[in-house]
Protein backbone atom coordinates (compact mmCIF):
# COMPACT_ATOMS: atom_id res chain seq x y z
CA MET A 1 -0.06 -5.67 -21.50
CA ARG A 2 -2.50 -2.75 -21.48
CA LEU A 3 -5.12 -4.78 -19.65
CA ILE A 4 -2.62 -5.90 -17.00
CA LEU A 5 -1.49 -2.32 -16.33
CA PHE A 6 -5.08 -1.07 -16.19
CA ARG A 7 -5.99 -3.81 -13.71
CA LEU A 8 -2.97 -3.02 -11.54
CA ILE A 9 -3.91 0.68 -11.47
CA ALA A 10 -7.54 -0.23 -10.70
CA ILE A 11 -6.56 -2.58 -7.86
CA LEU A 12 -4.42 0.12 -6.25
CA GLU A 13 -7.25 2.64 -6.62
CA VAL A 14 -9.88 0.31 -5.15
CA ALA A 15 -7.65 -0.78 -2.28
CA GLY A 16 -6.44 2.75 -1.51
CA GLY A 17 -9.92 4.25 -1.77
CA PHE A 18 -11.43 1.58 0.47
CA TYR A 19 -8.61 1.85 3.01
CA GLY A 20 -8.92 5.65 3.07
CA MET A 21 -12.68 5.49 3.55
CA ALA A 22 -12.29 2.89 6.33
CA ILE A 23 -9.80 5.12 8.16
CA ILE A 24 -11.92 8.28 7.79
CA LEU A 25 -15.34 6.83 8.67
CA PRO A 26 -14.75 6.49 12.45
CA ARG A 27 -13.47 10.08 12.58
CA LEU A 28 -16.57 11.27 10.72
CA LEU A 29 -18.88 9.44 13.11
CA ALA A 30 -17.20 10.98 16.16
CA ILE A 31 -18.70 14.33 17.02
CA GLY A 32 -16.17 17.11 16.58
CA PRO A 33 -15.77 20.69 15.41
CA LEU A 34 -17.57 21.68 12.22
CA ARG A 35 -14.34 22.53 10.41
CA THR A 36 -12.93 19.06 11.15
CA ALA A 37 -16.13 17.47 9.89
CA ALA A 38 -16.03 19.52 6.68
CA PHE A 39 -12.46 18.43 5.92
CA GLY A 40 -13.41 14.86 6.83
CA LEU A 41 -16.30 14.92 4.34
CA ILE A 42 -14.00 16.27 1.62
CA GLU A 43 -11.49 13.54 2.41
CA PHE A 44 -14.18 10.84 2.40
CA ALA A 45 -15.56 12.09 -0.92
CA VAL A 46 -12.09 12.02 -2.52
CA TYR A 47 -11.47 8.44 -1.39
CA ALA A 48 -14.96 7.42 -2.55
CA PHE A 49 -14.25 8.97 -5.96
CA VAL A 50 -10.97 7.06 -6.25
CA LEU A 51 -12.74 3.84 -5.23
CA VAL A 52 -15.47 4.32 -7.84
CA ALA A 53 -12.86 5.18 -10.49
CA GLY A 54 -11.02 1.95 -9.71
CA VAL A 55 -14.18 -0.16 -9.88
CA LEU A 56 -15.14 1.39 -13.22
CA LEU A 57 -11.60 0.83 -14.52
CA LEU A 58 -11.82 -2.83 -13.49
CA GLU A 59 -14.93 -3.04 -15.67
CA ASN A 60 -12.80 -1.57 -18.50
CA SER A 61 -15.30 1.21 -19.19
CA GLU A 62 -14.44 4.46 -20.92
CA ARG A 63 -15.78 6.40 -17.93
CA GLY A 64 -13.46 4.38 -15.67
CA ILE A 65 -10.45 5.40 -17.76
CA ARG A 66 -11.49 9.05 -17.59
CA PHE A 67 -12.23 8.99 -13.83
CA SER A 68 -9.00 7.13 -13.13
CA GLY A 69 -7.08 9.77 -15.06
CA ILE A 70 -8.65 12.44 -12.83
CA ALA A 71 -7.85 10.35 -9.75
CA GLN A 72 -4.21 10.12 -10.83
CA TRP A 73 -4.06 13.89 -11.41
CA LEU A 74 -5.37 14.44 -7.88
CA GLN A 75 -2.50 12.31 -6.58
CA LEU A 76 0.20 14.02 -8.64
CA PRO A 77 1.24 17.17 -6.68
CA LEU A 78 2.99 17.28 -3.34
CA ILE A 79 2.88 20.78 -1.90
CA ALA A 80 3.85 21.72 1.64
CA THR A 81 4.41 25.41 2.32
CA PRO A 82 3.95 27.43 5.50
CA VAL A 83 0.66 28.75 4.05
CA PHE A 84 -0.87 25.74 2.23
CA SER A 85 -0.32 21.97 2.12
CA TYR A 86 -1.78 19.35 -0.25
CA ALA A 87 -0.91 15.71 -0.84
CA LEU A 88 -2.93 12.63 -1.75
CA HIS A 89 -2.13 9.04 -2.48
CA CYS A 90 -4.29 5.96 -2.56
CA GLY A 91 -2.78 2.49 -2.50
CA ALA A 92 0.84 3.30 -3.30
CA CYS A 93 3.16 6.17 -4.14
CA ILE A 94 6.69 6.94 -5.23
CA ASP A 95 7.34 10.53 -4.22
CA LEU A 96 10.12 12.60 -5.76
CA TYR A 97 10.36 15.86 -3.83
CA THR A 98 12.75 18.55 -2.74
CA VAL A 99 13.03 20.70 0.32
CA VAL A 100 13.10 24.32 -0.80
CA HIS A 101 16.11 25.26 1.27
CA LEU A 102 19.77 25.71 0.50
CA PRO A 103 21.28 23.34 -0.48
CA THR A 104 18.38 21.95 -2.48
CA ARG A 105 18.56 18.22 -3.02
CA PRO A 106 15.98 15.82 -4.45
CA GLU A 107 14.70 13.01 -2.26
CA LEU A 108 12.77 9.85 -3.07
CA SER A 109 10.34 8.01 -0.81
CA TRP A 110 7.81 5.27 -1.45
CA GLN A 111 4.89 3.61 0.30
CA LEU A 112 2.81 0.59 -0.62
CA GLY A 113 -0.55 -0.37 0.83
CA SER A 114 -1.23 3.00 2.35
CA GLN A 115 -3.22 6.19 2.01
CA ARG A 116 -2.57 9.84 2.71
CA PHE A 117 -4.63 12.97 2.35
CA VAL A 118 -3.35 16.36 3.46
CA LEU A 119 -5.31 19.53 2.85
CA ALA A 120 -4.45 22.33 5.24
CA PHE A 121 -4.01 26.05 5.35
CA TYR A 122 -0.76 25.71 7.24
CA GLY A 123 2.34 23.60 6.87
CA PRO A 124 5.97 23.12 7.74
CA SER A 125 8.34 26.02 8.25
CA VAL A 126 10.47 24.83 5.32
CA SER A 127 8.62 24.25 2.04
CA HIS A 128 8.54 20.89 0.25
CA LEU A 129 7.55 20.56 -3.41
CA GLY A 130 7.33 17.36 -5.37
CA VAL A 131 5.48 14.93 -7.56
CA ASN A 132 4.08 11.43 -7.13
CA VAL A 133 5.99 9.61 -9.88
CA LEU A 134 3.72 6.54 -9.69
CA ALA A 135 0.65 8.71 -10.30
CA LEU A 136 2.40 10.37 -13.26
CA VAL A 137 3.31 7.01 -14.82
CA SER A 138 -0.21 5.68 -14.17
CA TRP A 139 -1.74 8.74 -15.81
CA LEU A 140 0.54 8.28 -18.84
CA VAL A 141 -0.46 4.60 -19.11
CA LEU A 142 -4.13 5.60 -19.01
CA LYS A 143 -3.61 8.42 -21.53
CA LEU A 144 -1.48 6.47 -24.01
CA ARG A 145 -3.84 3.50 -24.17
């Protein structure tokens, strides 16, 4: 059972990392402002890290388990405030979040076969805070091996 779960996590990491890198590469090759290029390089490096973590996890190495745990931690928070926004998912996500506004109510969304990376020093007028439940469960599976 452990091996099946590890392989599933690794496949999502490899697919999400590759898909993210494939989406970012044309934007990196286009000449643009330096700030856009810097964020693009950060985004590309994060997706490359997740891809490498997935490949190492497929090989069932100890380093792959450790890197995949870090990759899952990077995908865990969902933060969108007027000042700062951060979100990452590679491959799939199940997001449990709330809009920080009265009345506060939790919401659930999911995506499969996708990627998302948001790192910005601005955001929506109404704050959103949440957690990627799939990343949390994946991290627990990796930790409780």
